[in-house]
Amino acid sequence: MKQLYADIVRLICILLGLLTFSSCILDDENDCCYNVQLEYRYQRYATLGNNELGFYVGKLREYVFNGQDLLVAVNDYLVPHGNDAFFSEQSLLPGRYTVIAIGNKNGSEAITIEQIGVTTRQEILVRLTDVQENPNALRTKKLMNDHRLPDEPEITEVHGRSDRLYYGYRTFMVNEYGISRIAMDMTHAHCVLGVTVRWIDASGHPMAGETYNLTLRQVPSLSRFMPEFLVTNALDAGTFEAETETFPSNDHRRINYIPGLSRVLQVCHTVDGSVNGNVLYGEFISFRYRSDSHVLLSIYSSTERV
């Protein structure tokens, strides 16, 4: 009887051991519910090693594409404030995948199309949609059209500030066994331009109580999901090439992608200026410029171009 009891105990121990071994050979039991882990990172300055994602990105939308470039999942995350690491986990079948992430998209932009199982990563665009209809913006639009040159097109709409967008892109392989741990570097996909105008001639100071608007024309308003440039941790920049984009899951180099911009649709941004003595200040937030962009700055009072 004692021998039978000992055999039963031994058998139970063996079965428990087999179950534990076959479930997953991972770091801890919590890892068993996923096989892909993405660590999101952002470094404002390349020389610093701190992950500052939580100080600049409040929320993320994650787009997952399979090896046929079809959209298979869209995931939304809130990023805790601070410099703690932020991870997303999911379970994917073995194969090649691309994850594209957009940070801080609120109401100023729209994704052109995102249909699971149909949309490809090459089709999706981020479009600026925040058209300003307030009295100051409408008055400025009229003044811009009244003072435009003969060869300048008519301004049909004006935009305010875009969101402070961030962009991440990574292609990787998911193996049949184990966890693929991917480093996902985010980069800013917006431009912040602060403009300070100082009057030297005392007689030309901005009038107290007057309303001033600053405008920025020929600004890109359509951003692609596909990157145009690639920057490695060695600060070597190059043109993105799709055939060389797959990196091993254990490759944790700092790799930043910069999204491509469309030259087709360019718009005008307008912001209210603030006056302090002989100084006028305004801040624009827009999509990134290209090195060959030629944005045009103008200043308008309530009645004329300054």
Protein backbone atom coordinates (compact mmCIF):
# COMPACT_ATOMS: atom_id res chain seq x y z
CA MET A 1 0.00 0.00 0.00
CA LYS A 2 2.81 2.38 0.90
CA GLN A 3 4.52 1.51 -2.37
CA LEU A 4 1.32 2.28 -4.33
CA TYR A 5 0.97 5.61 -2.54
CA ALA A 6 4.59 6.49 -3.30
CA ASP A 7 4.11 5.56 -6.98
CA ILE A 8 1.02 7.76 -7.20
CA VAL A 9 2.85 10.70 -5.63
CA ARG A 10 5.78 10.18 -8.00
CA LEU A 11 3.43 10.04 -11.01
CA ILE A 12 1.70 13.26 -9.95
CA CYS A 13 5.06 15.02 -9.58
CA ILE A 14 6.12 13.84 -13.04
CA LEU A 15 2.87 15.06 -14.62
CA LEU A 16 3.15 18.42 -12.91
CA GLY A 17 6.70 18.74 -14.12
CA LEU A 18 5.70 17.92 -17.69
CA LEU A 19 2.86 20.46 -17.61
CA THR A 20 5.15 23.15 -16.27
CA PHE A 21 7.79 22.38 -18.89
CA SER A 22 5.42 22.17 -21.84
CA SER A 23 3.45 25.31 -21.04
CA CYS A 24 6.29 27.69 -21.90
CA ILE A 25 9.98 28.04 -21.28
CA LEU A 26 9.95 31.74 -20.41
CA ASP A 27 11.14 34.11 -17.73
CA ASP A 28 8.02 34.00 -15.57
CA GLU A 29 4.51 32.64 -15.64
CA ASN A 30 3.00 35.94 -16.76
CA ASP A 31 4.86 35.68 -20.07
CA CYS A 32 2.83 32.66 -21.12
CA CYS A 33 -0.07 34.70 -22.50
CA TYR A 34 1.94 36.33 -25.32
CA ASN A 35 4.85 35.65 -27.64
CA VAL A 36 5.67 39.21 -28.77
CA GLN A 37 6.74 42.04 -26.49
CA LEU A 38 7.46 45.52 -27.81
CA GLU A 39 9.41 47.95 -25.64
CA TYR A 40 8.55 51.52 -26.64
CA ARG A 41 11.37 54.03 -26.25
CA TYR A 42 11.90 57.72 -26.86
CA GLN A 43 15.05 59.73 -26.30
CA ARG A 44 14.78 63.47 -26.84
CA TYR A 45 18.54 63.73 -27.16
CA ALA A 46 20.56 60.94 -28.76
CA THR A 47 23.39 61.35 -26.25
CA LEU A 48 21.18 60.44 -23.28
CA GLY A 49 20.26 56.87 -22.42
CA ASN A 50 17.05 57.56 -20.53
CA ASN A 51 13.70 56.43 -21.86
CA GLU A 52 11.60 59.61 -21.79
CA LEU A 53 8.56 58.25 -23.60
CA GLY A 54 6.16 58.88 -20.69
CA PHE A 55 7.08 62.57 -20.55
CA TYR A 56 6.10 63.22 -24.18
CA VAL A 57 3.58 60.55 -25.24
CA GLY A 58 0.30 60.09 -23.40
CA LYS A 59 -1.34 57.53 -25.64
CA LEU A 60 -0.38 55.17 -28.44
CA ARG A 61 -2.25 53.57 -31.30
CA GLU A 62 -0.49 50.46 -32.58
CA TYR A 63 -1.10 49.06 -36.09
CA VAL A 64 0.03 45.48 -36.75
CA PHE A 65 0.60 44.27 -40.35
CA ASN A 66 1.37 40.70 -41.40
CA GLY A 67 3.87 39.44 -43.97
CA GLN A 68 1.45 40.27 -46.78
CA ASP A 69 1.34 43.88 -45.54
CA LEU A 70 -2.32 43.52 -44.46
CA LEU A 71 -3.59 45.16 -41.30
CA VAL A 72 -4.37 42.43 -38.74
CA ALA A 73 -4.80 44.37 -35.48
CA VAL A 74 -5.17 47.87 -34.04
CA ASN A 75 -4.35 48.34 -30.35
CA ASP A 76 -4.77 51.42 -28.16
CA TYR A 77 -2.70 52.08 -25.05
CA LEU A 78 -2.41 54.79 -22.41
CA VAL A 79 1.20 55.53 -21.50
CA PRO A 80 1.85 56.27 -17.81
CA HIS A 81 3.61 59.54 -17.11
CA GLY A 82 7.27 59.23 -16.22
CA ASN A 83 10.41 57.50 -17.44
CA ASP A 84 9.41 53.92 -16.66
CA ALA A 85 9.63 51.40 -19.47
CA PHE A 86 6.43 50.85 -21.46
CA PHE A 87 5.66 47.50 -23.08
CA SER A 88 2.91 46.11 -25.26
CA GLU A 89 2.32 42.36 -25.49
CA GLN A 90 0.40 40.25 -27.95
CA SER A 91 0.19 36.75 -29.38
CA LEU A 92 1.01 36.38 -33.08
CA LEU A 93 1.50 33.42 -35.39
CA PRO A 94 5.06 32.80 -36.62
CA GLY A 95 6.10 34.98 -39.54
CA ARG A 96 7.12 38.49 -40.52
CA TYR A 97 5.26 41.48 -39.06
CA THR A 98 5.43 45.25 -39.15
CA VAL A 99 4.21 47.44 -36.32
CA ILE A 100 3.53 51.13 -36.91
CA ALA A 101 2.68 53.28 -33.91
CA ILE A 102 1.24 56.80 -33.73
CA GLY A 103 1.49 58.71 -30.48
CA ASN A 104 -0.75 61.55 -29.23
CA LYS A 105 -3.24 61.55 -32.11
CA ASN A 106 -6.33 63.37 -30.87
CA GLY A 107 -8.86 65.42 -32.81
CA SER A 108 -6.61 67.41 -35.14
CA GLU A 109 -5.77 64.51 -37.47
CA ALA A 110 -7.55 61.58 -39.10
CA ILE A 111 -6.37 58.23 -40.40
CA THR A 112 -7.55 57.88 -43.99
CA ILE A 113 -8.39 54.16 -43.85
CA GLU A 114 -7.90 51.33 -41.35
CA GLN A 115 -9.86 48.20 -42.23
CA ILE A 116 -8.72 44.93 -40.66
CA GLY A 117 -7.77 42.30 -43.24
CA VAL A 118 -8.04 44.74 -46.16
CA THR A 119 -5.88 47.83 -45.62
CA THR A 120 -2.17 47.68 -46.38
CA ARG A 121 0.52 49.73 -44.70
CA GLN A 122 1.25 51.47 -48.00
CA GLU A 123 -2.32 52.80 -48.23
CA ILE A 124 -2.69 54.51 -44.88
CA LEU A 125 -2.15 58.25 -44.54
CA VAL A 126 -2.38 60.66 -41.60
CA ARG A 127 -4.28 63.78 -42.66
CA LEU A 128 -4.59 67.11 -40.88
CA THR A 129 -8.28 67.87 -40.35
CA ASP A 130 -8.42 70.68 -37.79
CA VAL A 131 -10.00 73.47 -39.87
CA GLN A 132 -10.36 76.73 -37.94
CA GLU A 133 -13.71 78.53 -38.16
CA ASN A 134 -13.35 81.01 -35.31
CA PRO A 135 -13.70 84.77 -36.07
CA ASN A 136 -9.96 85.49 -35.92
CA ALA A 137 -9.14 82.65 -38.33
CA LEU A 138 -11.89 83.63 -40.77
CA ARG A 139 -10.81 87.28 -40.69
CA THR A 140 -7.20 86.29 -41.29
CA LYS A 141 -8.19 84.04 -44.19
CA LYS A 142 -10.01 86.96 -45.81
CA LEU A 143 -7.02 89.27 -45.32
CA MET A 144 -4.68 86.66 -46.80
CA ASN A 145 -6.83 86.37 -49.90
CA ASP A 146 -7.22 90.15 -50.16
CA HIS A 147 -3.43 90.66 -50.09
CA ARG A 148 -2.26 87.62 -52.04
CA LEU A 149 -0.13 88.05 -55.13
CA PRO A 150 -1.64 87.42 -58.58
CA ASP A 151 0.09 84.03 -58.92
CA GLU A 152 -0.82 82.85 -55.41
CA PRO A 153 -3.72 80.39 -55.05
CA GLU A 154 -6.76 81.29 -52.98
CA ILE A 155 -6.71 80.16 -49.36
CA THR A 156 -9.84 78.03 -48.86
CA GLU A 157 -9.22 76.91 -45.28
CA VAL A 158 -6.84 77.57 -42.40
CA HIS A 159 -5.66 75.20 -39.71
CA GLY A 160 -4.68 75.69 -36.11
CA ARG A 161 -2.05 73.66 -34.28
CA SER A 162 -1.66 69.97 -35.00
CA ASP A 163 -1.16 67.44 -32.22
CA ARG A 164 2.36 66.70 -31.04
CA LEU A 165 2.55 63.46 -32.98
CA TYR A 166 5.16 60.73 -32.49
CA TYR A 167 5.93 57.91 -34.89
CA GLY A 168 7.38 54.44 -34.57
CA TYR A 169 8.04 51.71 -37.14
CA ARG A 170 9.60 48.26 -36.89
CA THR A 171 9.60 45.06 -38.97
CA PHE A 172 10.57 41.82 -37.26
CA MET A 173 10.21 38.05 -37.31
CA VAL A 174 8.12 36.03 -34.86
CA ASN A 175 9.58 32.59 -34.25
CA GLU A 176 7.63 29.42 -33.58
CA TYR A 177 8.90 29.16 -30.00
CA GLY A 178 9.82 31.65 -27.33
CA ILE A 179 9.18 35.37 -27.04
CA SER A 180 10.22 37.91 -29.65
CA ARG A 181 11.32 41.01 -27.74
CA ILE A 182 11.35 44.06 -30.00
CA ALA A 183 12.78 47.53 -29.32
CA MET A 184 10.38 50.14 -30.76
CA ASP A 185 11.94 53.60 -31.02
CA MET A 186 9.60 56.57 -31.38
CA THR A 187 10.53 59.82 -33.05
CA HIS A 188 8.70 63.12 -33.24
CA ALA A 189 6.48 63.51 -36.29
CA HIS A 190 5.66 67.14 -35.62
CA CYS A 191 7.45 70.47 -35.76
CA VAL A 192 7.24 73.19 -33.12
CA LEU A 193 8.15 76.61 -34.49
CA GLY A 194 8.27 79.56 -32.12
CA VAL A 195 8.26 82.98 -33.83
CA THR A 196 9.37 86.15 -32.03
CA VAL A 197 8.95 89.52 -33.76
CA ARG A 198 10.55 92.56 -32.15
CA TRP A 199 9.85 96.13 -33.30
CA ILE A 200 12.97 98.29 -33.18
CA ASP A 201 11.25 101.54 -34.17
CA ALA A 202 9.21 102.75 -31.20
CA SER A 203 6.66 104.33 -33.49
CA GLY A 204 5.92 100.95 -35.04
CA HIS A 205 5.18 99.07 -31.85
CA PRO A 206 2.21 96.72 -31.98
CA MET A 207 -0.86 98.53 -30.72
CA ALA A 208 -2.14 97.63 -27.28
CA GLY A 209 -5.45 95.82 -27.54
CA GLU A 210 -4.95 95.01 -31.23
CA THR A 211 -5.38 91.41 -32.40
CA TYR A 212 -2.48 89.88 -34.32
CA ASN A 213 -2.39 86.57 -36.16
CA LEU A 214 0.64 84.76 -37.50
CA THR A 215 0.25 82.51 -40.54
CA LEU A 216 2.45 79.82 -41.99
CA ARG A 217 1.71 78.69 -45.56
CA GLN A 218 2.82 75.78 -47.74
CA VAL A 219 3.03 73.39 -44.80
CA PRO A 220 2.64 69.63 -45.44
CA SER A 221 -0.67 68.25 -44.14
CA LEU A 222 -0.51 64.64 -45.32
CA SER A 223 1.89 62.12 -43.79
CA ARG A 224 2.44 58.58 -45.00
CA PHE A 225 2.54 55.52 -42.75
CA MET A 226 5.59 54.25 -44.60
CA PRO A 227 8.93 55.77 -43.60
CA GLU A 228 11.13 57.75 -45.93
CA PHE A 229 14.34 57.88 -43.89
CA LEU A 230 16.13 55.67 -41.40
CA VAL A 231 18.44 56.88 -38.61
CA THR A 232 20.49 54.38 -36.58
CA ASN A 233 21.96 54.82 -33.14
CA ALA A 234 25.19 55.95 -34.79
CA LEU A 235 23.29 58.97 -36.15
CA ASP A 236 23.79 57.72 -39.68
CA ALA A 237 20.81 58.78 -41.79
CA GLY A 238 19.80 57.14 -45.02
CA THR A 239 16.88 56.59 -47.32
CA PHE A 240 14.50 53.86 -46.21
CA GLU A 241 14.64 50.66 -48.26
CA ALA A 242 11.89 48.11 -47.66
CA GLU A 243 13.99 45.09 -48.66
CA THR A 244 16.45 45.67 -45.80
CA GLU A 245 14.01 46.62 -43.06
CA THR A 246 13.76 43.37 -41.05
CA PHE A 247 15.80 43.37 -37.85
CA PRO A 248 16.30 40.44 -35.46
CA SER A 249 14.09 40.47 -32.38
CA ASN A 250 17.15 40.72 -30.14
CA ASP A 251 18.54 43.75 -31.98
CA HIS A 252 18.18 46.61 -29.48
CA ARG A 253 20.04 49.29 -31.39
CA ARG A 254 18.41 52.70 -31.46
CA ILE A 255 16.63 52.78 -34.84
CA ASN A 256 14.45 55.75 -35.75
CA TYR A 257 12.26 55.97 -38.82
CA ILE A 258 11.00 59.27 -40.22
CA PRO A 259 7.67 59.09 -42.06
CA GLY A 260 7.32 60.30 -45.62
CA LEU A 261 5.42 63.50 -46.37
CA SER A 262 3.17 64.18 -49.33
CA ARG A 263 3.96 67.25 -51.40
CA VAL A 264 0.49 67.25 -52.92
CA LEU A 265 -1.59 68.79 -50.14
CA GLN A 266 -0.08 71.84 -48.44
CA VAL A 267 -2.08 74.06 -46.13
CA CYS A 268 -1.98 77.25 -44.09
CA HIS A 269 -1.69 77.36 -40.31
CA THR A 270 -2.75 80.38 -38.26
CA VAL A 271 -2.23 81.13 -34.57
CA ASP A 272 -3.07 84.07 -32.36
CA GLY A 273 -0.09 86.19 -31.40
CA SER A 274 0.61 87.48 -27.90
CA VAL A 275 1.95 91.02 -27.44
CA ASN A 276 4.33 92.13 -24.70
CA GLY A 277 5.60 95.67 -25.20
CA ASN A 278 7.38 95.79 -28.54
CA VAL A 279 7.46 91.99 -28.91
CA LEU A 280 4.97 89.73 -30.68
CA TYR A 281 5.17 85.97 -30.15
CA GLY A 282 3.39 82.99 -31.71
CA GLU A 283 3.93 79.23 -31.73
CA PHE A 284 3.06 76.85 -34.56
CA ILE A 285 2.72 73.08 -34.25
CA SER A 286 2.48 71.25 -37.56
CA PHE A 287 3.67 68.18 -39.39
CA ARG A 288 7.40 67.92 -39.96
CA TYR A 289 8.97 69.88 -42.81
CA ARG A 290 11.31 68.51 -45.40
CA SER A 291 14.76 69.97 -45.94
CA ASP A 292 13.50 71.44 -49.21
CA SER A 293 10.26 72.87 -47.74
CA HIS A 294 9.67 76.59 -48.28
CA VAL A 295 7.13 77.70 -45.70
CA LEU A 296 5.98 81.32 -45.83
CA LEU A 297 5.44 83.38 -42.67
CA SER A 298 3.10 86.38 -42.56
CA ILE A 299 1.70 88.59 -39.79
CA TYR A 300 -1.73 90.20 -39.88
CA SER A 301 -3.43 92.73 -37.67
CA SER A 302 -7.20 92.89 -37.63
CA THR A 303 -7.16 95.10 -40.75
CA GLU A 304 -3.95 94.56 -42.73
CA ARG A 305 -0.80 92.57 -43.34
CA VAL A 306 2.02 93.88 -41.17
